[in-house]
N, C-alpha and C. Protein backbone atom coordinates (compact mmCIF):
# COMPACT_ATOMS: atom_id res chain seq x y z
N MET A 1 22.79 -18.60 -7.28
CA MET A 1 22.73 -19.54 -7.50
C MET A 1 22.29 -20.66 -6.21
N ALA A 2 20.82 -21.44 -6.51
CA ALA A 2 20.04 -22.01 -5.39
C ALA A 2 21.02 -22.93 -4.33
N LYS A 3 20.59 -23.27 -3.33
CA LYS A 3 20.82 -23.28 -2.14
C LYS A 3 20.22 -24.65 -1.46
N LYS A 4 20.94 -25.81 -0.93
CA LYS A 4 19.81 -26.56 0.04
C LYS A 4 19.61 -26.12 0.94
N LYS A 5 19.02 -26.52 1.29
CA LYS A 5 18.75 -26.58 3.32
C LYS A 5 18.52 -28.00 3.90
N GLY A 6 18.61 -27.80 4.81
CA GLY A 6 18.10 -29.16 5.71
C GLY A 6 19.40 -29.85 6.01
N ASN A 7 19.71 -31.01 6.62
CA ASN A 7 20.49 -31.79 7.50
C ASN A 7 21.19 -32.96 6.09
N GLY A 8 20.46 -33.20 5.10
CA GLY A 8 20.45 -34.22 4.24
C GLY A 8 19.47 -35.02 4.37
N GLY A 9 18.47 -34.94 4.96
CA GLY A 9 17.54 -35.86 4.72
C GLY A 9 16.49 -35.40 3.88
N ASP A 10 15.17 -36.68 4.23
CA ASP A 10 13.78 -36.08 3.05
C ASP A 10 14.13 -35.32 2.82
N ASP A 11 14.20 -34.18 3.91
CA ASP A 11 13.20 -32.91 3.88
C ASP A 11 14.00 -31.58 3.43
N ASP A 12 14.87 -31.94 2.92
CA ASP A 12 16.25 -30.80 2.11
C ASP A 12 15.32 -29.91 1.06
N GLN A 13 14.93 -28.26 0.86
CA GLN A 13 14.49 -27.62 -0.35
C GLN A 13 15.69 -27.16 -0.28
N VAL A 14 14.80 -26.84 -1.65
CA VAL A 14 16.23 -26.27 -2.51
C VAL A 14 15.53 -24.28 -2.27
N MET A 15 16.80 -23.93 -2.00
CA MET A 15 16.55 -21.86 -1.42
C MET A 15 16.61 -21.34 -2.55
N THR A 16 15.78 -21.05 -3.15
CA THR A 16 16.25 -20.48 -4.65
C THR A 16 14.95 -18.30 -4.31
N ALA A 17 14.58 -18.05 -3.40
CA ALA A 17 13.15 -17.19 -3.13
C ALA A 17 14.56 -15.90 -1.73
N VAL A 18 15.37 -15.24 -2.49
CA VAL A 18 15.68 -13.81 -1.81
C VAL A 18 15.10 -12.94 -1.20
N ARG A 19 15.35 -12.46 0.27
CA ARG A 19 15.42 -11.25 0.82
C ARG A 19 16.02 -10.66 0.98
N HIS A 20 15.90 -9.64 1.15
CA HIS A 20 17.17 -8.77 1.70
C HIS A 20 16.31 -7.38 2.73
N PHE A 21 16.73 -7.11 3.56
CA PHE A 21 16.30 -6.13 4.64
C PHE A 21 17.72 -5.33 5.51
N ARG A 22 17.29 -3.58 5.34
CA ARG A 22 17.98 -3.32 5.78
C ARG A 22 17.77 -3.05 7.07
N LEU A 23 19.06 -2.22 8.42
CA LEU A 23 19.04 -2.17 9.64
C LEU A 23 20.01 -0.78 9.95
N SER A 24 19.41 0.40 10.75
CA SER A 24 20.05 0.98 11.54
C SER A 24 21.63 0.33 12.40
N GLU A 25 22.71 0.96 12.35
CA GLU A 25 23.92 1.08 12.59
C GLU A 25 23.68 -0.34 13.95
N PRO A 26 23.20 0.78 14.83
CA PRO A 26 23.14 -0.09 16.01
C PRO A 26 22.25 -1.26 16.64
N ASP A 27 21.59 -1.15 15.02
CA ASP A 27 20.46 -2.65 15.17
C ASP A 27 21.35 -3.15 14.71
N ALA A 28 22.35 -3.34 13.29
CA ALA A 28 23.05 -4.19 12.81
C ALA A 28 23.98 -4.47 13.51
N ASP A 29 24.86 -3.61 14.99
CA ASP A 29 25.72 -4.46 15.99
C ASP A 29 24.92 -5.67 16.95
N VAL A 30 23.59 -5.58 17.22
CA VAL A 30 22.75 -6.35 17.89
C VAL A 30 22.38 -7.89 16.65
N TRP A 31 22.35 -6.96 16.03
CA TRP A 31 22.40 -8.29 14.83
C TRP A 31 23.48 -9.47 14.84
N ASP A 32 24.09 -9.06 14.18
CA ASP A 32 25.67 -9.77 14.59
C ASP A 32 26.13 -10.10 14.94
N LYS A 33 25.63 -9.59 16.54
CA LYS A 33 26.51 -9.81 17.85
C LYS A 33 25.18 -11.40 17.81
N LYS A 34 24.08 -11.54 17.25
CA LYS A 34 23.24 -12.80 18.46
C LYS A 34 23.45 -13.84 17.02
N VAL A 35 23.86 -13.37 15.48
CA VAL A 35 24.60 -13.81 14.81
C VAL A 35 25.69 -14.57 15.23
N MET A 36 26.72 -14.02 15.76
CA MET A 36 27.87 -14.58 16.16
C MET A 36 27.62 -15.69 16.86
N GLN A 37 26.93 -14.98 17.99
CA GLN A 37 26.34 -16.03 19.40
C GLN A 37 25.02 -17.24 19.11
N SER A 38 24.79 -17.03 17.80
CA SER A 38 23.92 -18.61 17.47
C SER A 38 24.62 -19.49 16.80
N GLY A 39 26.23 -19.25 15.86
CA GLY A 39 26.93 -20.27 15.41
C GLY A 39 26.28 -20.57 14.46
N MET A 40 25.44 -19.64 13.83
CA MET A 40 24.38 -20.24 12.43
C MET A 40 25.31 -19.36 11.43
N THR A 41 24.66 -19.40 9.99
CA THR A 41 25.01 -18.27 9.49
C THR A 41 23.95 -17.61 9.79
N ALA A 42 24.24 -16.31 9.34
CA ALA A 42 23.16 -15.14 9.15
C ALA A 42 21.76 -15.68 8.08
N SER A 43 21.66 -16.42 7.71
CA SER A 43 20.75 -16.65 7.44
C SER A 43 19.99 -18.21 7.61
N ALA A 44 20.52 -18.94 8.14
CA ALA A 44 20.21 -20.17 8.57
C ALA A 44 19.41 -19.16 10.07
N PHE A 45 20.10 -18.09 10.43
CA PHE A 45 19.81 -17.48 12.22
C PHE A 45 18.19 -16.76 11.73
N PHE A 46 18.45 -16.32 10.44
CA PHE A 46 17.10 -15.05 10.30
C PHE A 46 15.90 -16.44 9.57
N ARG A 47 16.46 -17.49 8.89
CA ARG A 47 14.55 -18.24 8.79
C ARG A 47 14.57 -18.47 9.99
N THR A 48 15.47 -19.07 11.30
CA THR A 48 14.87 -19.79 12.40
C THR A 48 14.11 -18.48 13.14
N ALA A 49 14.52 -17.12 13.89
CA ALA A 49 14.49 -16.28 14.04
C ALA A 49 12.53 -15.90 13.34
N VAL A 50 12.48 -16.04 12.16
CA VAL A 50 11.40 -15.87 11.82
C VAL A 50 10.03 -16.67 11.45
N ILE A 51 10.66 -17.90 11.23
CA ILE A 51 9.72 -18.67 10.42
C ILE A 51 9.60 -19.72 11.70
N GLU A 52 10.40 -19.88 12.69
CA GLU A 52 10.20 -21.03 13.89
C GLU A 52 9.72 -19.85 15.20
N ASN A 53 10.01 -19.66 15.34
CA ASN A 53 9.88 -18.14 16.03
C ASN A 53 7.82 -18.59 16.54
N GLN A 54 8.44 -18.52 17.87
CA GLN A 54 5.88 -18.11 18.17
C GLN A 54 5.79 -16.99 18.02
N THR A 55 6.30 -15.97 17.82
CA THR A 55 5.49 -14.82 18.49
C THR A 55 4.88 -14.09 17.17
N ILE A 56 3.50 -13.54 18.15
CA ILE A 56 1.98 -13.31 17.37
C ILE A 56 2.96 -12.33 16.69
N VAL A 57 2.42 -11.98 15.10
CA VAL A 57 3.20 -10.73 14.62
C VAL A 57 1.55 -9.69 14.77
N GLN A 58 1.22 -9.04 15.29
CA GLN A 58 -0.08 -7.81 15.50
C GLN A 58 0.74 -6.18 14.91
N PRO A 59 -0.28 -5.66 13.73
CA PRO A 59 0.22 -3.99 13.81
C PRO A 59 0.28 -3.60 15.26
N PRO A 60 1.01 -2.76 14.63
CA PRO A 60 1.60 -1.29 15.89
C PRO A 60 -0.37 -0.93 16.58
N ARG A 61 -0.59 -0.68 17.16
CA ARG A 61 -1.42 0.21 17.51
C ARG A 61 -1.07 1.66 18.03
N ARG A 62 -1.64 2.27 17.04
CA ARG A 62 -1.42 3.72 17.24
C ARG A 62 -2.90 4.57 18.45
N PRO A 63 -2.48 5.12 18.79
CA PRO A 63 -3.45 6.27 19.57
C PRO A 63 -4.24 7.17 17.85
N VAL A 64 -5.49 6.84 18.65
CA VAL A 64 -6.52 7.56 17.92
C VAL A 64 -6.38 8.93 18.89
N HIS A 65 -6.16 10.63 17.41
CA HIS A 65 -6.66 11.10 18.26
C HIS A 65 -7.87 11.92 17.85
N VAL A 66 -9.01 12.08 18.25
CA VAL A 66 -10.33 13.00 18.16
C VAL A 66 -10.65 13.89 18.93
N ARG A 67 -9.59 14.84 17.80
CA ARG A 67 -10.71 16.34 17.62
C ARG A 67 -12.13 16.36 18.17
N LYS A 68 -12.95 17.74 18.57
CA LYS A 68 -13.58 17.45 18.37
C LYS A 68 -13.90 19.58 17.61
N LEU A 69 -14.39 19.07 16.54
CA LEU A 69 -14.64 20.60 15.83
C LEU A 69 -15.46 21.21 16.01
N HIS A 70 -14.64 22.87 15.99
CA HIS A 70 -16.30 23.60 16.23
C HIS A 70 -16.89 23.69 14.62
N PRO A 71 -18.40 23.85 15.22
CA PRO A 71 -19.31 23.33 14.26
C PRO A 71 -19.07 24.53 12.72
N ALA A 72 -17.86 25.31 13.38
CA ALA A 72 -18.06 25.93 11.91
C ALA A 72 -16.89 25.82 10.84
N THR A 73 -16.01 25.33 11.84
CA THR A 73 -14.91 24.16 11.30
C THR A 73 -15.60 22.85 10.40
N GLN A 74 -16.35 22.41 11.07
CA GLN A 74 -17.18 21.47 10.34
C GLN A 74 -17.39 22.13 8.94
N GLN A 75 -18.96 22.81 9.38
CA GLN A 75 -19.30 23.17 7.66
C GLN A 75 -18.22 23.21 6.68
N ILE A 76 -17.09 24.24 6.88
CA ILE A 76 -16.02 24.47 5.89
C ILE A 76 -16.01 23.57 5.73
N ILE A 77 -15.13 22.19 6.06
CA ILE A 77 -14.91 20.87 5.59
C ILE A 77 -15.78 20.64 4.77
N HIS A 78 -17.56 20.42 5.49
CA HIS A 78 -18.06 20.03 4.34
C HIS A 78 -18.36 20.63 3.23
N LEU A 79 -18.28 22.13 2.87
CA LEU A 79 -18.58 22.56 1.78
C LEU A 79 -16.96 22.37 0.60
N LEU A 80 -16.03 22.39 1.30
CA LEU A 80 -14.72 22.06 0.66
C LEU A 80 -14.77 20.64 0.18
N ALA A 81 -15.67 19.87 0.76
CA ALA A 81 -15.65 19.18 -0.36
C ALA A 81 -16.58 18.57 -0.94
N LYS A 82 -17.92 19.42 -0.86
CA LYS A 82 -18.74 19.34 -2.16
C LYS A 82 -18.06 20.44 -3.32
N GLN A 83 -17.22 21.06 -2.84
CA GLN A 83 -15.90 22.19 -3.91
C GLN A 83 -15.64 21.53 -4.59
N GLY A 84 -14.86 19.78 -4.42
CA GLY A 84 -14.01 19.00 -4.75
C GLY A 84 -14.80 18.58 -5.44
N ASN A 85 -15.98 17.87 -4.65
CA ASN A 85 -16.74 17.28 -5.86
C ASN A 85 -17.13 18.13 -7.32
N ASN A 86 -17.29 18.95 -7.29
CA ASN A 86 -18.24 20.39 -7.94
C ASN A 86 -16.62 20.30 -9.01
N ILE A 87 -15.73 20.34 -8.80
CA ILE A 87 -14.68 20.62 -9.38
C ILE A 87 -13.97 18.71 -10.08
N ASN A 88 -14.44 17.90 -9.38
CA ASN A 88 -14.14 17.14 -10.23
C ASN A 88 -15.07 16.45 -11.11
N GLN A 89 -16.14 16.65 -11.08
CA GLN A 89 -17.01 17.00 -12.52
C GLN A 89 -17.17 18.03 -13.99
N LEU A 90 -16.59 19.10 -13.24
CA LEU A 90 -16.35 20.11 -14.27
C LEU A 90 -15.66 19.18 -15.06
N ALA A 91 -14.80 19.14 -14.09
CA ALA A 91 -13.34 18.24 -14.69
C ALA A 91 -13.27 17.20 -16.09
N ARG A 92 -14.35 16.44 -14.99
CA ARG A 92 -14.75 15.38 -16.29
C ARG A 92 -16.06 15.88 -17.70
N HIS A 93 -16.21 17.04 -17.19
CA HIS A 93 -16.92 17.60 -18.49
C HIS A 93 -16.02 18.04 -19.13
N LEU A 94 -15.22 19.17 -19.14
CA LEU A 94 -13.89 19.65 -19.91
C LEU A 94 -13.98 18.38 -20.48
N ASN A 95 -12.91 16.98 -19.90
CA ASN A 95 -12.85 16.55 -21.05
C ASN A 95 -13.25 15.97 -21.92
N LEU A 96 -14.41 15.46 -21.63
CA LEU A 96 -15.11 15.21 -22.61
C LEU A 96 -15.39 16.02 -23.26
N GLY A 97 -15.69 16.81 -23.14
CA GLY A 97 -16.16 18.22 -23.98
C GLY A 97 -14.63 18.13 -25.61
N ARG A 98 -13.47 18.23 -24.79
CA ARG A 98 -11.95 18.22 -25.17
C ARG A 98 -12.12 17.54 -26.52
N LYS A 99 -12.80 15.84 -25.73
CA LYS A 99 -12.13 15.23 -26.61
C LYS A 99 -13.56 14.98 -28.04
N ALA A 100 -14.62 15.14 -27.40
CA ALA A 100 -16.07 15.15 -28.76
C ALA A 100 -15.24 16.48 -28.97
N GLY A 101 -14.61 17.79 -29.08
CA GLY A 101 -14.10 18.15 -30.58
C GLY A 101 -15.51 19.62 -30.20
N GLU A 102 -15.89 19.22 -28.71
CA GLU A 102 -16.51 20.39 -28.40
C GLU A 102 -16.26 21.75 -27.74
N LEU A 103 -14.53 21.89 -27.64
CA LEU A 103 -13.71 22.72 -27.10
C LEU A 103 -12.35 23.15 -27.47
N SER A 104 -11.74 24.05 -27.25
CA SER A 104 -11.00 23.93 -27.94
C SER A 104 -9.98 23.80 -27.16
N GLU A 105 -8.30 23.38 -27.36
CA GLU A 105 -7.01 23.59 -26.33
C GLU A 105 -7.56 24.70 -25.31
N ARG A 106 -7.19 25.67 -26.56
CA ARG A 106 -7.29 27.39 -25.04
C ARG A 106 -7.72 27.45 -24.50
N ASP A 107 -9.21 27.07 -24.99
CA ASP A 107 -10.73 27.28 -23.57
C ASP A 107 -10.67 25.91 -22.20
N TYR A 108 -9.97 24.32 -22.98
CA TYR A 108 -9.52 23.85 -21.81
C TYR A 108 -8.35 24.05 -21.34
N LYS A 109 -7.19 24.69 -21.74
CA LYS A 109 -6.32 25.01 -20.64
C LYS A 109 -6.94 25.58 -19.83
N THR A 110 -7.62 26.79 -20.37
CA THR A 110 -7.80 27.97 -19.78
C THR A 110 -8.90 27.22 -18.23
N ALA A 111 -9.87 26.69 -18.48
CA ALA A 111 -10.56 26.16 -18.04
C ALA A 111 -9.82 25.08 -16.68
N LEU A 112 -9.66 24.46 -17.58
CA LEU A 112 -8.61 23.20 -16.63
C LEU A 112 -7.55 24.29 -14.79
N ASP A 113 -6.93 25.53 -16.07
CA ASP A 113 -6.18 26.43 -14.90
C ASP A 113 -7.23 26.74 -14.38
N GLU A 114 -8.17 27.03 -13.92
CA GLU A 114 -9.06 27.74 -12.97
C GLU A 114 -9.19 26.64 -12.88
N LEU A 115 -9.44 25.86 -12.43
CA LEU A 115 -10.25 24.69 -11.74
C LEU A 115 -8.91 24.03 -10.41
N HIS A 116 -7.68 23.56 -11.36
CA HIS A 116 -6.46 24.39 -10.24
C HIS A 116 -6.16 24.76 -9.90
N GLU A 117 -6.52 25.68 -9.60
CA GLU A 117 -6.55 26.90 -8.85
C GLU A 117 -7.42 27.10 -7.68
N LEU A 118 -9.15 27.38 -8.41
CA LEU A 118 -10.00 26.25 -7.73
C LEU A 118 -9.45 25.54 -6.40
N ASN A 119 -8.54 24.48 -6.78
CA ASN A 119 -8.48 23.22 -5.87
C ASN A 119 -7.26 23.36 -4.85
N GLU A 120 -6.48 24.21 -5.44
CA GLU A 120 -5.33 24.77 -4.31
C GLU A 120 -5.63 25.87 -3.48
N ASN A 121 -6.86 26.34 -3.73
CA ASN A 121 -6.90 27.59 -3.16
C ASN A 121 -8.11 26.38 -1.98
N ALA A 122 -8.64 25.54 -1.79
CA ALA A 122 -9.51 24.98 -1.56
C ALA A 122 -7.78 24.12 -0.14
N ARG A 123 -6.93 23.54 -0.72
CA ARG A 123 -6.01 22.86 0.09
C ARG A 123 -5.57 24.00 1.47
N VAL A 124 -5.00 24.83 0.69
CA VAL A 124 -4.70 26.43 1.81
C VAL A 124 -5.19 25.75 2.89
N VAL A 125 -6.71 26.30 2.50
CA VAL A 125 -7.91 26.21 3.39
C VAL A 125 -7.74 25.90 4.14
N MET A 126 -7.98 23.95 4.19
CA MET A 126 -7.45 22.96 4.51
C MET A 126 -6.02 22.81 5.50
N LYS A 127 -5.21 23.27 5.10
CA LYS A 127 -4.37 22.97 5.85
C LYS A 127 -4.75 24.59 7.42
N THR A 128 -4.91 24.76 6.86
CA THR A 128 -5.58 26.01 8.07
C THR A 128 -6.16 25.64 9.64
N ILE A 129 -7.14 24.15 8.78
CA ILE A 129 -7.92 23.41 10.38
C ILE A 129 -6.90 23.01 10.26
């Protein structure tokens, strides 16, 4: 059911948009105390805190950890990227061949299984780097 916001003046607005959020139990306790101390409803408190607050919202800054890689490791990553590109091209041609009727379903599945295995092997290597 829609509710009216305001004090009865000309700027009353019908509130139809509903938003929900979750809190940890400790945060919920802090929330409940602040709402109770404000003397407002939880909805009014939230609107006041979010809409009328002058806080500048910025995305959190995460430290960037740049790790210098050994040249051999850089070469392995480069070769794996090229291999991934080749696997994608082969898969594309397999799909085109299958759709055109130039490749049997059995051969298609066999080749695709081989490509999946190559891709999985590349993932295993990448995890060790």
